[in-house]
Amino acid sequence: MPTTLGRKFSLVWRGDPPHMLNTDIPVWYRFLEVYGHLFRSIWYDVCVGGPFYTQEELKDPLKKMWYQNLAKRIDALCELENEIWIIEVSSDPGLRSIGQLLSYQILLNRDPKILKPEKLVLVAGTIESDLLDVAGTLSIRCYII
């Protein structure tokens, strides 16, 4: 199960992150205004999981499309000095966001590209108390911004 980091983005870039929902983008940029100074590197739309193909096989456009359709996509992967943050962004998250983060962590660890401890992070515009309780129990950091 391959991990594809893709393009590294500048920390000051403020375009539309690939595959991030329009309603989530303002939440993400508010978060970066406050916490972006912590990051050394950032990648958006990081592919984890999905079928494994060699670089040669990925030259076939159908296999490449199949991989991209079946891989799971991390909203943002941020590298700090001593750890990486696997980040899910949602203006109004539900329990699904917790499952996504846990799944991303497992899949990323199948083929890690950055060998640092990872932290799960939920960046939200709002969050209800049960979700905050579950996230805290699972050591998922929540930033309500």
N, C-alpha and C. Protein backbone atom coordinates (compact mmCIF):
# COMPACT_ATOMS: atom_id res chain seq x y z
N MET A 1 0.84 -1.17 0.00
CA MET A 1 0.00 0.00 0.00
C MET A 1 0.88 1.24 0.00
N PRO A 2 1.01 1.88 -1.12
CA PRO A 2 1.96 2.97 -1.26
C PRO A 2 1.49 4.29 -0.66
N THR A 3 2.45 5.10 -0.28
CA THR A 3 2.20 6.49 0.12
C THR A 3 2.81 7.38 -0.95
N THR A 4 2.04 8.33 -1.42
CA THR A 4 2.53 9.30 -2.39
C THR A 4 2.35 10.69 -1.80
N LEU A 5 3.46 11.31 -1.40
CA LEU A 5 3.38 12.65 -0.82
C LEU A 5 2.93 13.67 -1.84
N GLY A 6 3.39 13.54 -3.05
CA GLY A 6 3.07 14.54 -4.06
C GLY A 6 3.93 15.78 -3.90
N ARG A 7 3.39 16.89 -4.35
CA ARG A 7 4.12 18.15 -4.36
C ARG A 7 4.19 18.76 -2.96
N LYS A 8 5.36 19.25 -2.60
CA LYS A 8 5.51 20.00 -1.36
C LYS A 8 5.09 21.44 -1.65
N PHE A 9 4.26 22.00 -0.77
CA PHE A 9 3.77 23.36 -0.97
C PHE A 9 4.52 24.34 -0.09
N SER A 10 4.64 25.56 -0.55
CA SER A 10 5.22 26.63 0.23
C SER A 10 4.32 26.91 1.43
N LEU A 11 4.91 27.24 2.55
CA LEU A 11 4.12 27.53 3.75
C LEU A 11 3.31 28.81 3.62
N VAL A 12 3.65 29.66 2.68
CA VAL A 12 2.90 30.91 2.50
C VAL A 12 1.89 30.83 1.36
N TRP A 13 1.85 29.70 0.65
CA TRP A 13 0.90 29.51 -0.45
C TRP A 13 -0.53 29.55 0.08
N ARG A 14 -1.41 30.29 -0.59
CA ARG A 14 -2.80 30.40 -0.15
C ARG A 14 -3.80 30.19 -1.29
N GLY A 15 -3.50 29.22 -2.15
CA GLY A 15 -4.45 28.84 -3.19
C GLY A 15 -5.48 27.88 -2.61
N ASP A 16 -6.18 27.17 -3.48
CA ASP A 16 -7.15 26.16 -3.04
C ASP A 16 -6.44 24.82 -2.92
N PRO A 17 -6.26 24.31 -1.69
CA PRO A 17 -5.59 23.01 -1.54
C PRO A 17 -6.35 21.91 -2.29
N PRO A 18 -5.65 21.06 -3.03
CA PRO A 18 -6.31 20.02 -3.82
C PRO A 18 -7.25 19.15 -2.97
N HIS A 19 -8.44 18.96 -3.45
CA HIS A 19 -9.48 18.12 -2.86
C HIS A 19 -10.00 18.61 -1.51
N MET A 20 -9.58 19.77 -1.04
CA MET A 20 -10.14 20.30 0.21
C MET A 20 -11.46 21.01 -0.15
N LEU A 21 -12.49 20.73 0.63
CA LEU A 21 -13.80 21.32 0.34
C LEU A 21 -13.77 22.83 0.51
N ASN A 22 -14.52 23.53 -0.33
CA ASN A 22 -14.56 25.00 -0.28
C ASN A 22 -14.95 25.52 1.10
N THR A 23 -15.85 24.83 1.79
CA THR A 23 -16.27 25.28 3.12
C THR A 23 -15.18 25.09 4.18
N ASP A 24 -14.21 24.21 3.89
CA ASP A 24 -13.14 23.93 4.85
C ASP A 24 -11.91 24.82 4.66
N ILE A 25 -11.75 25.36 3.48
CA ILE A 25 -10.55 26.16 3.17
C ILE A 25 -10.39 27.36 4.10
N PRO A 26 -11.43 28.15 4.37
CA PRO A 26 -11.24 29.29 5.31
C PRO A 26 -10.82 28.83 6.71
N VAL A 27 -11.34 27.69 7.16
CA VAL A 27 -10.96 27.13 8.46
C VAL A 27 -9.47 26.80 8.45
N TRP A 28 -9.02 26.17 7.38
CA TRP A 28 -7.63 25.79 7.25
C TRP A 28 -6.71 27.01 7.28
N TYR A 29 -7.07 28.04 6.55
CA TYR A 29 -6.21 29.23 6.50
C TYR A 29 -6.23 30.02 7.81
N ARG A 30 -7.33 29.98 8.54
CA ARG A 30 -7.33 30.59 9.89
C ARG A 30 -6.36 29.82 10.79
N PHE A 31 -6.38 28.49 10.68
CA PHE A 31 -5.48 27.65 11.45
C PHE A 31 -4.02 27.98 11.11
N LEU A 32 -3.70 28.08 9.83
CA LEU A 32 -2.32 28.37 9.42
C LEU A 32 -1.85 29.74 9.90
N GLU A 33 -2.75 30.70 9.97
CA GLU A 33 -2.37 32.02 10.46
C GLU A 33 -1.86 31.94 11.90
N VAL A 34 -2.44 31.06 12.68
CA VAL A 34 -2.07 30.94 14.10
C VAL A 34 -0.94 29.93 14.32
N TYR A 35 -0.99 28.79 13.62
CA TYR A 35 -0.06 27.70 13.91
C TYR A 35 0.92 27.37 12.79
N GLY A 36 0.81 28.02 11.66
CA GLY A 36 1.65 27.70 10.51
C GLY A 36 3.14 27.85 10.77
N HIS A 37 3.51 28.69 11.71
CA HIS A 37 4.94 28.90 12.01
C HIS A 37 5.60 27.65 12.58
N LEU A 38 4.81 26.69 13.04
CA LEU A 38 5.35 25.46 13.61
C LEU A 38 5.90 24.50 12.54
N PHE A 39 5.45 24.67 11.31
CA PHE A 39 5.73 23.69 10.27
C PHE A 39 6.99 23.99 9.48
N ARG A 40 7.68 22.91 9.13
CA ARG A 40 8.85 22.99 8.24
C ARG A 40 8.43 22.73 6.79
N SER A 41 7.48 21.81 6.62
CA SER A 41 7.03 21.41 5.28
C SER A 41 5.56 21.07 5.34
N ILE A 42 4.90 21.18 4.17
CA ILE A 42 3.48 20.83 4.10
C ILE A 42 3.17 20.20 2.74
N TRP A 43 2.36 19.16 2.78
CA TRP A 43 1.85 18.50 1.58
C TRP A 43 0.34 18.43 1.71
N TYR A 44 -0.35 18.62 0.59
CA TYR A 44 -1.81 18.49 0.55
C TYR A 44 -2.18 17.26 -0.27
N ASP A 45 -3.34 16.67 0.08
CA ASP A 45 -3.91 15.60 -0.73
C ASP A 45 -2.95 14.41 -0.84
N VAL A 46 -2.37 14.02 0.29
CA VAL A 46 -1.39 12.93 0.32
C VAL A 46 -2.12 11.60 0.16
N CYS A 47 -1.69 10.82 -0.83
CA CYS A 47 -2.32 9.52 -1.11
C CYS A 47 -1.72 8.44 -0.22
N VAL A 48 -2.58 7.70 0.46
CA VAL A 48 -2.16 6.54 1.25
C VAL A 48 -3.07 5.37 0.89
N GLY A 49 -2.55 4.17 1.04
CA GLY A 49 -3.34 2.99 0.73
C GLY A 49 -3.53 2.82 -0.78
N GLY A 50 -4.52 2.07 -1.14
CA GLY A 50 -4.79 1.81 -2.55
C GLY A 50 -3.91 0.69 -3.08
N PRO A 51 -4.07 0.36 -4.35
CA PRO A 51 -3.29 -0.73 -4.94
C PRO A 51 -1.83 -0.33 -5.15
N PHE A 52 -0.94 -1.31 -5.09
CA PHE A 52 0.48 -1.04 -5.32
C PHE A 52 0.81 -1.28 -6.79
N TYR A 53 1.42 -0.28 -7.40
CA TYR A 53 1.93 -0.39 -8.76
C TYR A 53 3.37 0.10 -8.77
N THR A 54 4.18 -0.49 -9.62
CA THR A 54 5.55 0.00 -9.80
C THR A 54 5.50 1.32 -10.57
N GLN A 55 6.60 2.06 -10.56
CA GLN A 55 6.67 3.30 -11.34
C GLN A 55 6.44 3.02 -12.82
N GLU A 56 6.91 1.89 -13.27
CA GLU A 56 6.70 1.51 -14.68
C GLU A 56 5.22 1.29 -14.96
N GLU A 57 4.54 0.57 -14.06
CA GLU A 57 3.11 0.32 -14.24
C GLU A 57 2.29 1.61 -14.20
N LEU A 58 2.73 2.57 -13.39
CA LEU A 58 1.99 3.83 -13.28
C LEU A 58 2.09 4.70 -14.53
N LYS A 59 2.94 4.31 -15.47
CA LYS A 59 2.97 5.02 -16.76
C LYS A 59 1.73 4.73 -17.58
N ASP A 60 1.07 3.61 -17.26
CA ASP A 60 -0.20 3.27 -17.90
C ASP A 60 -1.28 4.19 -17.31
N PRO A 61 -1.92 5.03 -18.12
CA PRO A 61 -2.88 6.00 -17.58
C PRO A 61 -4.06 5.35 -16.84
N LEU A 62 -4.47 4.16 -17.25
CA LEU A 62 -5.59 3.50 -16.57
C LEU A 62 -5.17 3.02 -15.17
N LYS A 63 -3.96 2.48 -15.05
CA LYS A 63 -3.48 2.04 -13.74
C LYS A 63 -3.26 3.25 -12.82
N LYS A 64 -2.73 4.31 -13.37
CA LYS A 64 -2.53 5.52 -12.57
C LYS A 64 -3.87 6.07 -12.07
N MET A 65 -4.86 6.11 -12.95
CA MET A 65 -6.19 6.58 -12.57
C MET A 65 -6.80 5.65 -11.51
N TRP A 66 -6.63 4.35 -11.68
CA TRP A 66 -7.17 3.38 -10.72
C TRP A 66 -6.55 3.59 -9.34
N TYR A 67 -5.22 3.77 -9.31
CA TYR A 67 -4.54 4.04 -8.04
C TYR A 67 -5.09 5.32 -7.41
N GLN A 68 -5.15 6.40 -8.18
CA GLN A 68 -5.60 7.68 -7.63
C GLN A 68 -7.05 7.63 -7.15
N ASN A 69 -7.88 6.82 -7.79
CA ASN A 69 -9.28 6.69 -7.35
C ASN A 69 -9.43 5.86 -6.09
N LEU A 70 -8.54 4.90 -5.87
CA LEU A 70 -8.68 4.00 -4.73
C LEU A 70 -7.85 4.42 -3.51
N ALA A 71 -6.84 5.25 -3.71
CA ALA A 71 -6.04 5.72 -2.58
C ALA A 71 -6.89 6.64 -1.70
N LYS A 72 -6.60 6.64 -0.42
CA LYS A 72 -7.25 7.56 0.51
C LYS A 72 -6.39 8.82 0.57
N ARG A 73 -7.00 9.98 0.85
CA ARG A 73 -6.28 11.24 0.72
C ARG A 73 -6.30 12.04 2.02
N ILE A 74 -5.12 12.28 2.55
CA ILE A 74 -4.97 13.10 3.76
C ILE A 74 -5.08 14.56 3.34
N ASP A 75 -5.91 15.33 4.04
CA ASP A 75 -6.06 16.75 3.70
C ASP A 75 -4.72 17.46 3.71
N ALA A 76 -3.99 17.33 4.81
CA ALA A 76 -2.68 17.98 4.92
C ALA A 76 -1.77 17.12 5.78
N LEU A 77 -0.53 17.01 5.35
CA LEU A 77 0.51 16.34 6.12
C LEU A 77 1.58 17.40 6.38
N CYS A 78 1.81 17.69 7.65
CA CYS A 78 2.73 18.76 8.02
C CYS A 78 3.90 18.19 8.81
N GLU A 79 5.09 18.59 8.42
CA GLU A 79 6.29 18.15 9.10
C GLU A 79 6.77 19.24 10.05
N LEU A 80 6.97 18.85 11.29
CA LEU A 80 7.57 19.71 12.30
C LEU A 80 8.98 19.20 12.56
N GLU A 81 9.68 19.82 13.47
CA GLU A 81 11.06 19.41 13.73
C GLU A 81 11.16 17.95 14.16
N ASN A 82 10.29 17.52 15.08
CA ASN A 82 10.42 16.18 15.65
C ASN A 82 9.23 15.25 15.41
N GLU A 83 8.26 15.68 14.61
CA GLU A 83 7.07 14.85 14.37
C GLU A 83 6.39 15.30 13.09
N ILE A 84 5.40 14.51 12.66
CA ILE A 84 4.54 14.91 11.56
C ILE A 84 3.10 14.94 12.06
N TRP A 85 2.31 15.82 11.48
CA TRP A 85 0.89 15.91 11.82
C TRP A 85 0.08 15.45 10.63
N ILE A 86 -0.79 14.48 10.87
CA ILE A 86 -1.77 14.02 9.88
C ILE A 86 -3.03 14.82 10.19
N ILE A 87 -3.43 15.67 9.24
CA ILE A 87 -4.48 16.65 9.53
C ILE A 87 -5.72 16.43 8.67
N GLU A 88 -6.85 16.39 9.34
CA GLU A 88 -8.16 16.40 8.69
C GLU A 88 -8.78 17.76 8.98
N VAL A 89 -9.31 18.41 7.96
CA VAL A 89 -9.90 19.74 8.09
C VAL A 89 -11.38 19.65 7.79
N SER A 90 -12.21 20.23 8.67
CA SER A 90 -13.65 20.27 8.44
C SER A 90 -14.27 21.45 9.16
N SER A 91 -15.11 22.17 8.46
CA SER A 91 -15.79 23.29 9.11
C SER A 91 -16.75 22.79 10.18
N ASP A 92 -17.33 21.60 9.99
CA ASP A 92 -18.29 21.03 10.94
C ASP A 92 -18.14 19.50 10.95
N PRO A 93 -17.11 18.98 11.63
CA PRO A 93 -16.81 17.54 11.54
C PRO A 93 -17.81 16.68 12.31
N GLY A 94 -17.88 15.42 11.88
CA GLY A 94 -18.65 14.41 12.58
C GLY A 94 -17.71 13.26 12.96
N LEU A 95 -18.29 12.18 13.45
CA LEU A 95 -17.49 11.03 13.85
C LEU A 95 -16.67 10.45 12.69
N ARG A 96 -17.14 10.66 11.48
CA ARG A 96 -16.42 10.18 10.30
C ARG A 96 -14.99 10.71 10.28
N SER A 97 -14.80 11.95 10.71
CA SER A 97 -13.45 12.54 10.69
C SER A 97 -12.49 11.78 11.60
N ILE A 98 -12.99 11.23 12.70
CA ILE A 98 -12.16 10.44 13.61
C ILE A 98 -11.73 9.15 12.91
N GLY A 99 -12.66 8.49 12.26
CA GLY A 99 -12.34 7.27 11.52
C GLY A 99 -11.36 7.52 10.40
N GLN A 100 -11.51 8.65 9.72
CA GLN A 100 -10.58 8.99 8.65
C GLN A 100 -9.17 9.13 9.20
N LEU A 101 -9.01 9.90 10.27
CA LEU A 101 -7.68 10.11 10.84
C LEU A 101 -7.04 8.80 11.28
N LEU A 102 -7.79 7.95 11.96
CA LEU A 102 -7.24 6.67 12.41
C LEU A 102 -6.83 5.80 11.23
N SER A 103 -7.64 5.81 10.17
CA SER A 103 -7.33 5.03 8.97
C SER A 103 -6.10 5.58 8.26
N TYR A 104 -6.01 6.90 8.14
CA TYR A 104 -4.84 7.51 7.50
C TYR A 104 -3.55 7.14 8.23
N GLN A 105 -3.60 7.12 9.55
CA GLN A 105 -2.41 6.79 10.33
C GLN A 105 -1.96 5.35 10.03
N ILE A 106 -2.89 4.44 10.03
CA ILE A 106 -2.56 3.03 9.75
C ILE A 106 -1.97 2.90 8.35
N LEU A 107 -2.62 3.50 7.36
CA LEU A 107 -2.17 3.37 5.98
C LEU A 107 -0.83 4.07 5.75
N LEU A 108 -0.64 5.22 6.36
CA LEU A 108 0.65 5.92 6.22
C LEU A 108 1.78 5.08 6.80
N ASN A 109 1.52 4.39 7.89
CA ASN A 109 2.55 3.56 8.52
C ASN A 109 2.87 2.30 7.73
N ARG A 110 2.04 1.93 6.77
CA ARG A 110 2.35 0.80 5.90
C ARG A 110 3.49 1.14 4.94
N ASP A 111 3.62 2.44 4.62
CA ASP A 111 4.67 2.90 3.70
C ASP A 111 5.07 4.33 4.09
N PRO A 112 5.73 4.48 5.23
CA PRO A 112 6.07 5.82 5.70
C PRO A 112 7.14 6.47 4.82
N LYS A 113 6.94 7.72 4.48
CA LYS A 113 7.92 8.46 3.69
C LYS A 113 8.73 9.42 4.56
N ILE A 114 8.21 9.74 5.73
CA ILE A 114 8.91 10.60 6.68
C ILE A 114 8.99 9.82 7.99
N LEU A 115 10.17 9.53 8.44
CA LEU A 115 10.34 8.68 9.61
C LEU A 115 10.40 9.51 10.89
N LYS A 116 9.23 9.99 11.28
CA LYS A 116 9.07 10.74 12.53
C LYS A 116 7.76 10.28 13.16
N PRO A 117 7.64 10.40 14.48
CA PRO A 117 6.37 10.06 15.11
C PRO A 117 5.25 10.94 14.55
N GLU A 118 4.07 10.35 14.41
CA GLU A 118 2.97 11.12 13.87
C GLU A 118 1.94 11.45 14.94
N LYS A 119 1.29 12.58 14.76
CA LYS A 119 0.19 13.02 15.62
C LYS A 119 -1.02 13.22 14.74
N LEU A 120 -2.17 12.83 15.26
CA LEU A 120 -3.43 13.03 14.54
C LEU A 120 -4.03 14.36 14.97
N VAL A 121 -4.47 15.14 13.99
CA VAL A 121 -4.95 16.49 14.26
C VAL A 121 -6.24 16.73 13.49
N LEU A 122 -7.25 17.22 14.20
CA LEU A 122 -8.51 17.64 13.59
C LEU A 122 -8.60 19.15 13.70
N VAL A 123 -8.70 19.81 12.56
CA VAL A 123 -8.86 21.26 12.51
C VAL A 123 -10.31 21.52 12.14
N ALA A 124 -11.03 22.23 13.01
CA ALA A 124 -12.47 22.39 12.83
C ALA A 124 -12.92 23.83 13.04
N GLY A 125 -14.01 24.16 12.37
CA GLY A 125 -14.63 25.46 12.60
C GLY A 125 -15.50 25.44 13.83
N THR A 126 -16.11 24.30 14.07
CA THR A 126 -16.94 24.06 15.24
C THR A 126 -16.85 22.58 15.56
N ILE A 127 -17.16 22.21 16.81
CA ILE A 127 -17.10 20.79 17.17
C ILE A 127 -18.06 20.55 18.32
N GLU A 128 -18.78 19.46 18.27
CA GLU A 128 -19.72 19.14 19.35
C GLU A 128 -19.03 18.33 20.44
N SER A 129 -19.58 18.36 21.63
CA SER A 129 -18.88 17.85 22.81
C SER A 129 -18.57 16.35 22.74
N ASP A 130 -19.47 15.53 22.18
CA ASP A 130 -19.18 14.09 22.09
C ASP A 130 -17.98 13.82 21.19
N LEU A 131 -17.91 14.53 20.10
CA LEU A 131 -16.78 14.34 19.18
C LEU A 131 -15.48 14.77 19.85
N LEU A 132 -15.52 15.86 20.58
CA LEU A 132 -14.34 16.34 21.30
C LEU A 132 -13.91 15.31 22.35
N ASP A 133 -14.87 14.70 23.03
CA ASP A 133 -14.59 13.66 24.03
C ASP A 133 -13.92 12.45 23.38
N VAL A 134 -14.49 11.97 22.28
CA VAL A 134 -13.93 10.81 21.59
C VAL A 134 -12.52 11.12 21.09
N ALA A 135 -12.34 12.28 20.48
CA ALA A 135 -11.03 12.67 19.97
C ALA A 135 -10.00 12.71 21.09
N GLY A 136 -10.36 13.29 22.21
CA GLY A 136 -9.44 13.37 23.34
C GLY A 136 -9.07 12.01 23.88
N THR A 137 -10.05 11.12 23.93
CA THR A 137 -9.80 9.76 24.41
C THR A 137 -8.81 9.03 23.50
N LEU A 138 -8.83 9.35 22.21
CA LEU A 138 -7.95 8.71 21.23
C LEU A 138 -6.67 9.51 20.99
N SER A 139 -6.42 10.53 21.82
CA SER A 139 -5.23 11.39 21.70
C SER A 139 -5.16 12.12 20.36
N ILE A 140 -6.31 12.47 19.82
CA ILE A 140 -6.39 13.28 18.61
C ILE A 140 -6.48 14.74 19.06
N ARG A 141 -5.54 15.54 18.59
CA ARG A 141 -5.53 16.96 18.93
C ARG A 141 -6.62 17.67 18.12
N CYS A 142 -7.38 18.51 18.78
CA CYS A 142 -8.42 19.27 18.10
C CYS A 142 -8.13 20.75 18.20
N TYR A 143 -8.21 21.42 17.09
CA TYR A 143 -8.05 22.87 17.02
C TYR A 143 -9.34 23.44 16.46
N ILE A 144 -10.05 24.18 17.29
CA ILE A 144 -11.31 24.80 16.88
C ILE A 144 -10.98 26.25 16.57
N ILE A 145 -11.16 26.60 15.32
CA ILE A 145 -10.68 27.92 14.90
C ILE A 145 -11.66 28.63 13.99
